[in-house]
């Protein structure tokens, strides 16, 4: 397992569990709302520079989270007809990241290959 930020490969031992939708804003403490982030990327997310969104369906078994990134892919640009990337083809734990410039990236959980590009 590694940090789930696009392109980061810091090992799980150097990460913190983070609520994708902040607990203070009503985000649940559940597998469908948690991801591992290294301290630097946790700060960038918490300060609002990068915005994550879980886009995979909820896990079938909430007791087996899997939070390692195996691929990073560019998502369609904001404003495109494919604005909402939430589709059944994304495995649970898939996170869509929006950068400060509006560019979107998708990270996938360990063990699930990304869809074809």
N, C-alpha and C. Protein backbone atom coordinates (compact mmCIF):
# COMPACT_ATOMS: atom_id res chain seq x y z
N UNK A 1 0.84 -1.17 0.00
CA UNK A 1 0.00 0.00 0.00
C UNK A 1 0.89 1.24 0.00
N UNK A 2 0.42 2.28 -0.68
CA UNK A 2 1.15 3.54 -0.76
C UNK A 2 0.18 4.71 -0.65
N UNK A 3 0.74 5.90 -0.61
CA UNK A 3 -0.06 7.13 -0.63
C UNK A 3 -0.92 7.12 -1.90
N UNK A 4 -2.17 7.55 -1.80
CA UNK A 4 -3.10 7.53 -2.94
C UNK A 4 -3.05 8.78 -3.80
N UNK A 5 -2.16 9.73 -3.50
CA UNK A 5 -2.05 10.93 -4.31
C UNK A 5 -1.46 10.57 -5.67
N UNK A 6 -1.90 11.20 -6.74
CA UNK A 6 -1.39 10.87 -8.08
C UNK A 6 0.14 10.95 -8.15
N UNK A 7 0.75 9.81 -8.51
CA UNK A 7 2.19 9.76 -8.71
C UNK A 7 3.02 9.55 -7.45
N UNK A 8 2.42 9.54 -6.28
CA UNK A 8 3.17 9.36 -5.03
C UNK A 8 3.29 7.87 -4.72
N UNK A 9 4.48 7.46 -4.31
CA UNK A 9 4.66 6.05 -3.96
C UNK A 9 5.24 5.87 -2.56
N UNK A 10 4.98 6.85 -1.67
CA UNK A 10 5.44 6.70 -0.29
C UNK A 10 4.72 5.50 0.33
N UNK A 11 5.46 4.65 1.05
CA UNK A 11 4.86 3.43 1.60
C UNK A 11 3.83 3.72 2.70
N UNK A 12 2.99 2.73 2.94
CA UNK A 12 1.91 2.86 3.92
C UNK A 12 2.40 3.33 5.28
N UNK A 13 3.59 2.91 5.68
CA UNK A 13 4.13 3.32 6.98
C UNK A 13 4.37 4.82 7.09
N UNK A 14 4.40 5.50 5.95
CA UNK A 14 4.62 6.95 5.95
C UNK A 14 3.34 7.69 5.60
N UNK A 15 2.19 7.04 5.78
CA UNK A 15 0.92 7.66 5.43
C UNK A 15 0.01 7.79 6.64
N UNK A 16 -1.07 8.53 6.45
CA UNK A 16 -2.11 8.72 7.47
C UNK A 16 -3.44 8.39 6.82
N UNK A 17 -4.36 7.80 7.57
CA UNK A 17 -5.71 7.58 7.06
C UNK A 17 -6.42 8.93 7.00
N UNK A 18 -7.04 9.21 5.89
CA UNK A 18 -7.69 10.51 5.69
C UNK A 18 -9.11 10.31 5.19
N UNK A 19 -10.02 11.13 5.70
CA UNK A 19 -11.40 11.13 5.21
C UNK A 19 -11.42 11.91 3.89
N UNK A 20 -11.87 11.29 2.81
CA UNK A 20 -11.96 11.98 1.53
C UNK A 20 -12.91 13.16 1.67
N UNK A 21 -14.11 12.90 2.19
CA UNK A 21 -15.04 13.96 2.55
C UNK A 21 -14.83 14.17 4.04
N UNK A 22 -14.33 15.33 4.42
CA UNK A 22 -13.91 15.60 5.80
C UNK A 22 -14.95 15.22 6.85
N UNK A 23 -14.49 14.61 7.93
CA UNK A 23 -15.36 14.22 9.02
C UNK A 23 -16.10 15.44 9.56
N UNK A 24 -15.41 16.57 9.66
CA UNK A 24 -16.02 17.80 10.17
C UNK A 24 -17.15 18.29 9.27
N UNK A 25 -17.15 17.85 8.01
CA UNK A 25 -18.21 18.24 7.06
C UNK A 25 -19.24 17.13 6.89
N UNK A 26 -19.25 16.17 7.79
CA UNK A 26 -20.24 15.09 7.72
C UNK A 26 -19.75 13.83 7.04
N UNK A 27 -18.47 13.78 6.67
CA UNK A 27 -17.93 12.57 6.03
C UNK A 27 -17.88 11.42 7.02
N UNK A 28 -18.31 10.25 6.57
CA UNK A 28 -18.33 9.07 7.43
C UNK A 28 -16.94 8.48 7.60
N UNK A 29 -16.73 7.82 8.72
CA UNK A 29 -15.51 7.05 8.90
C UNK A 29 -15.84 5.65 8.41
N UNK A 30 -15.63 5.43 7.11
CA UNK A 30 -15.95 4.16 6.49
C UNK A 30 -14.96 3.90 5.36
N UNK A 31 -14.87 2.66 4.94
CA UNK A 31 -13.96 2.28 3.87
C UNK A 31 -14.23 3.11 2.61
N UNK A 32 -15.48 3.43 2.36
CA UNK A 32 -15.85 4.18 1.16
C UNK A 32 -15.45 5.66 1.24
N UNK A 33 -14.95 6.11 2.40
CA UNK A 33 -14.60 7.52 2.56
C UNK A 33 -13.19 7.70 3.14
N UNK A 34 -12.37 6.66 3.11
CA UNK A 34 -11.01 6.76 3.65
C UNK A 34 -9.98 6.42 2.60
N UNK A 35 -8.82 7.04 2.70
CA UNK A 35 -7.69 6.74 1.83
C UNK A 35 -6.41 7.06 2.58
N UNK A 36 -5.32 6.40 2.21
CA UNK A 36 -4.04 6.68 2.82
C UNK A 36 -3.34 7.79 2.06
N UNK A 37 -2.89 8.82 2.80
CA UNK A 37 -2.16 9.93 2.21
C UNK A 37 -0.91 10.20 3.04
N UNK A 38 0.21 10.51 2.37
CA UNK A 38 1.40 10.91 3.10
C UNK A 38 1.12 12.30 3.69
N UNK A 39 1.94 12.70 4.63
CA UNK A 39 1.70 13.97 5.34
C UNK A 39 1.62 15.16 4.38
N UNK A 40 2.53 15.23 3.41
CA UNK A 40 2.55 16.34 2.47
C UNK A 40 1.26 16.41 1.64
N UNK A 41 0.82 15.27 1.13
CA UNK A 41 -0.38 15.28 0.29
C UNK A 41 -1.65 15.41 1.12
N UNK A 42 -1.61 14.94 2.36
CA UNK A 42 -2.74 15.14 3.27
C UNK A 42 -2.94 16.65 3.50
N UNK A 43 -1.82 17.36 3.68
CA UNK A 43 -1.89 18.82 3.88
C UNK A 43 -2.43 19.52 2.63
N UNK A 44 -1.93 19.16 1.46
CA UNK A 44 -2.41 19.78 0.21
C UNK A 44 -3.92 19.56 0.03
N UNK A 45 -4.38 18.37 0.37
CA UNK A 45 -5.82 18.07 0.27
C UNK A 45 -6.60 18.86 1.33
N UNK A 46 -6.13 18.84 2.57
CA UNK A 46 -6.84 19.51 3.66
C UNK A 46 -6.92 21.02 3.49
N UNK A 47 -5.90 21.61 2.88
CA UNK A 47 -5.90 23.05 2.65
C UNK A 47 -6.66 23.44 1.37
N UNK A 48 -7.18 22.45 0.67
CA UNK A 48 -8.04 22.73 -0.48
C UNK A 48 -7.33 22.91 -1.81
N UNK A 49 -6.02 22.67 -1.85
CA UNK A 49 -5.31 22.83 -3.12
C UNK A 49 -5.69 21.74 -4.11
N UNK A 50 -5.80 20.50 -3.64
CA UNK A 50 -6.24 19.37 -4.46
C UNK A 50 -7.54 18.85 -3.85
N UNK A 51 -8.48 18.45 -4.71
CA UNK A 51 -9.78 17.96 -4.24
C UNK A 51 -9.99 16.51 -4.69
N UNK A 52 -10.08 15.58 -3.73
CA UNK A 52 -10.36 14.19 -4.08
C UNK A 52 -11.86 13.90 -4.04
N UNK A 53 -12.25 12.88 -4.77
CA UNK A 53 -13.64 12.42 -4.77
C UNK A 53 -13.63 10.93 -5.03
N UNK A 54 -14.22 10.16 -4.14
CA UNK A 54 -14.32 8.71 -4.34
C UNK A 54 -15.37 8.47 -5.43
N UNK A 55 -14.98 7.78 -6.52
CA UNK A 55 -15.91 7.60 -7.62
C UNK A 55 -16.29 6.14 -7.87
N UNK A 56 -15.65 5.22 -7.17
CA UNK A 56 -16.03 3.82 -7.31
C UNK A 56 -17.24 3.52 -6.44
N UNK A 57 -17.94 2.43 -6.72
CA UNK A 57 -19.08 2.06 -5.87
C UNK A 57 -18.59 1.66 -4.48
N UNK A 58 -19.46 1.67 -3.47
CA UNK A 58 -19.04 1.24 -2.13
C UNK A 58 -18.53 -0.19 -2.19
N UNK A 59 -17.59 -0.55 -1.32
CA UNK A 59 -17.05 -1.91 -1.32
C UNK A 59 -18.11 -2.94 -0.94
N UNK A 60 -17.98 -4.13 -1.52
CA UNK A 60 -18.90 -5.21 -1.18
C UNK A 60 -18.64 -5.70 0.24
N UNK A 61 -17.38 -5.67 0.66
CA UNK A 61 -17.01 -6.12 1.99
C UNK A 61 -16.28 -4.98 2.69
N UNK A 62 -16.97 -4.27 3.54
CA UNK A 62 -16.41 -3.09 4.20
C UNK A 62 -15.25 -3.41 5.13
N UNK A 63 -14.96 -4.68 5.36
CA UNK A 63 -13.88 -5.03 6.26
C UNK A 63 -12.54 -5.21 5.55
N UNK A 64 -12.52 -5.09 4.23
CA UNK A 64 -11.27 -5.31 3.51
C UNK A 64 -10.93 -4.13 2.61
N UNK A 65 -10.56 -2.98 3.21
CA UNK A 65 -10.18 -1.85 2.37
C UNK A 65 -8.85 -2.13 1.68
N UNK A 66 -8.67 -1.55 0.54
CA UNK A 66 -7.43 -1.71 -0.19
C UNK A 66 -7.11 -0.36 -0.79
N UNK A 67 -6.05 0.25 -0.33
CA UNK A 67 -5.83 1.67 -0.63
C UNK A 67 -4.54 1.95 -1.37
N UNK A 68 -4.03 1.04 -2.18
CA UNK A 68 -2.79 1.32 -2.90
C UNK A 68 -3.09 1.75 -4.32
N UNK A 69 -2.38 2.73 -4.74
CA UNK A 69 -2.51 3.24 -6.10
C UNK A 69 -1.77 2.32 -7.05
N UNK A 70 -2.39 1.93 -8.17
CA UNK A 70 -1.69 1.13 -9.16
C UNK A 70 -1.60 1.83 -10.50
N UNK A 71 -2.31 2.91 -10.68
CA UNK A 71 -2.23 3.64 -11.95
C UNK A 71 -2.72 5.06 -11.75
N UNK A 72 -2.24 5.94 -12.58
CA UNK A 72 -2.69 7.32 -12.58
C UNK A 72 -3.11 7.63 -14.01
N UNK A 73 -4.29 8.19 -14.17
CA UNK A 73 -4.79 8.47 -15.51
C UNK A 73 -5.39 9.86 -15.56
N UNK A 74 -5.28 10.50 -16.69
CA UNK A 74 -5.91 11.80 -16.87
C UNK A 74 -7.40 11.58 -17.11
N UNK A 75 -8.20 12.36 -16.44
CA UNK A 75 -9.65 12.32 -16.62
C UNK A 75 -10.03 13.38 -17.65
N UNK A 76 -11.24 13.31 -18.17
CA UNK A 76 -11.68 14.34 -19.12
C UNK A 76 -11.61 15.71 -18.47
N UNK A 77 -11.34 16.75 -19.23
CA UNK A 77 -11.26 18.09 -18.66
C UNK A 77 -12.58 18.54 -18.04
N UNK A 78 -12.48 19.38 -17.04
CA UNK A 78 -13.68 19.94 -16.42
C UNK A 78 -14.45 20.70 -17.48
N UNK A 79 -15.75 20.54 -17.48
CA UNK A 79 -16.58 21.21 -18.47
C UNK A 79 -16.91 20.31 -19.65
N UNK A 80 -16.24 19.15 -19.72
CA UNK A 80 -16.55 18.24 -20.83
C UNK A 80 -17.88 17.55 -20.55
N UNK A 81 -18.41 16.89 -21.55
CA UNK A 81 -19.69 16.20 -21.38
C UNK A 81 -19.57 15.06 -20.40
N UNK A 82 -18.36 14.56 -20.18
CA UNK A 82 -18.13 13.48 -19.23
C UNK A 82 -17.72 14.05 -17.87
N UNK A 83 -18.40 15.09 -17.43
CA UNK A 83 -18.08 15.78 -16.17
C UNK A 83 -18.12 14.82 -14.99
N UNK A 84 -19.12 13.96 -14.92
CA UNK A 84 -19.24 13.04 -13.80
C UNK A 84 -18.60 11.71 -14.18
N UNK A 85 -17.48 11.38 -13.54
CA UNK A 85 -16.74 10.16 -13.87
C UNK A 85 -17.28 8.95 -13.12
N UNK A 86 -18.31 9.10 -12.33
CA UNK A 86 -18.82 8.00 -11.51
C UNK A 86 -19.52 6.99 -12.43
N UNK A 87 -18.86 5.85 -12.65
CA UNK A 87 -19.42 4.81 -13.50
C UNK A 87 -19.21 3.46 -12.85
N UNK A 88 -19.99 2.46 -13.23
CA UNK A 88 -19.84 1.14 -12.63
C UNK A 88 -18.50 0.48 -12.94
N UNK A 89 -17.78 0.95 -13.96
CA UNK A 89 -16.52 0.30 -14.32
C UNK A 89 -15.38 0.63 -13.36
N UNK A 90 -15.51 1.65 -12.54
CA UNK A 90 -14.47 1.99 -11.57
C UNK A 90 -14.61 1.10 -10.36
N UNK A 91 -13.52 0.43 -9.91
CA UNK A 91 -13.61 -0.40 -8.71
C UNK A 91 -13.75 0.47 -7.46
N UNK A 92 -14.26 -0.13 -6.37
CA UNK A 92 -14.36 0.65 -5.14
C UNK A 92 -12.97 1.11 -4.75
N UNK A 93 -12.89 2.26 -4.14
CA UNK A 93 -11.62 2.84 -3.76
C UNK A 93 -10.99 3.71 -4.83
N UNK A 94 -11.64 3.83 -5.99
CA UNK A 94 -11.12 4.69 -7.05
C UNK A 94 -11.32 6.14 -6.63
N UNK A 95 -10.28 6.94 -6.78
CA UNK A 95 -10.35 8.34 -6.38
C UNK A 95 -10.04 9.23 -7.58
N UNK A 96 -10.90 10.21 -7.79
CA UNK A 96 -10.66 11.23 -8.80
C UNK A 96 -10.12 12.46 -8.08
N UNK A 97 -8.96 12.93 -8.52
CA UNK A 97 -8.31 14.10 -7.93
C UNK A 97 -8.43 15.27 -8.89
N UNK A 98 -8.78 16.45 -8.39
CA UNK A 98 -8.80 17.67 -9.20
C UNK A 98 -7.69 18.58 -8.69
N UNK A 99 -6.79 18.97 -9.61
CA UNK A 99 -5.64 19.79 -9.26
C UNK A 99 -6.05 21.25 -9.11
N UNK A 100 -5.17 22.09 -8.60
CA UNK A 100 -5.47 23.52 -8.48
C UNK A 100 -5.80 24.19 -9.82
N UNK A 101 -5.31 23.62 -10.92
CA UNK A 101 -5.59 24.20 -12.24
C UNK A 101 -6.84 23.60 -12.88
N UNK A 102 -7.50 22.67 -12.20
CA UNK A 102 -8.71 22.06 -12.72
C UNK A 102 -8.50 20.77 -13.47
N UNK A 103 -7.27 20.33 -13.62
CA UNK A 103 -7.00 19.07 -14.31
C UNK A 103 -7.36 17.91 -13.39
N UNK A 104 -7.90 16.84 -13.96
CA UNK A 104 -8.33 15.72 -13.14
C UNK A 104 -7.49 14.48 -13.41
N UNK A 105 -7.24 13.74 -12.33
CA UNK A 105 -6.44 12.51 -12.37
C UNK A 105 -7.21 11.44 -11.60
N UNK A 106 -7.05 10.19 -11.99
CA UNK A 106 -7.73 9.10 -11.31
C UNK A 106 -6.69 8.12 -10.78
N UNK A 107 -6.84 7.73 -9.50
CA UNK A 107 -5.98 6.70 -8.92
C UNK A 107 -6.85 5.51 -8.56
N UNK A 108 -6.28 4.33 -8.71
CA UNK A 108 -7.01 3.08 -8.51
C UNK A 108 -6.46 2.31 -7.32
N UNK A 109 -7.30 1.51 -6.67
CA UNK A 109 -6.84 0.71 -5.53
C UNK A 109 -5.98 -0.47 -6.00
N UNK A 110 -5.22 -1.00 -5.08
CA UNK A 110 -4.35 -2.13 -5.37
C UNK A 110 -5.16 -3.34 -5.84
N UNK A 111 -4.62 -4.03 -6.80
CA UNK A 111 -5.23 -5.27 -7.25
C UNK A 111 -6.26 -5.11 -8.36
N UNK A 112 -6.73 -3.93 -8.58
CA UNK A 112 -7.71 -3.70 -9.63
C UNK A 112 -7.04 -2.93 -10.76
N UNK A 113 -6.94 -3.52 -11.95
CA UNK A 113 -6.31 -2.80 -13.04
C UNK A 113 -7.17 -1.63 -13.49
N UNK A 114 -6.53 -0.57 -13.98
CA UNK A 114 -7.31 0.56 -14.47
C UNK A 114 -8.02 0.22 -15.76
N UNK A 115 -9.09 0.95 -16.09
CA UNK A 115 -9.75 0.69 -17.36
C UNK A 115 -8.81 1.06 -18.51
N UNK A 116 -9.05 0.53 -19.70
CA UNK A 116 -8.18 0.86 -20.84
C UNK A 116 -8.24 2.35 -21.14
N UNK A 117 -7.11 2.90 -21.57
CA UNK A 117 -7.01 4.32 -21.86
C UNK A 117 -7.13 4.55 -23.36
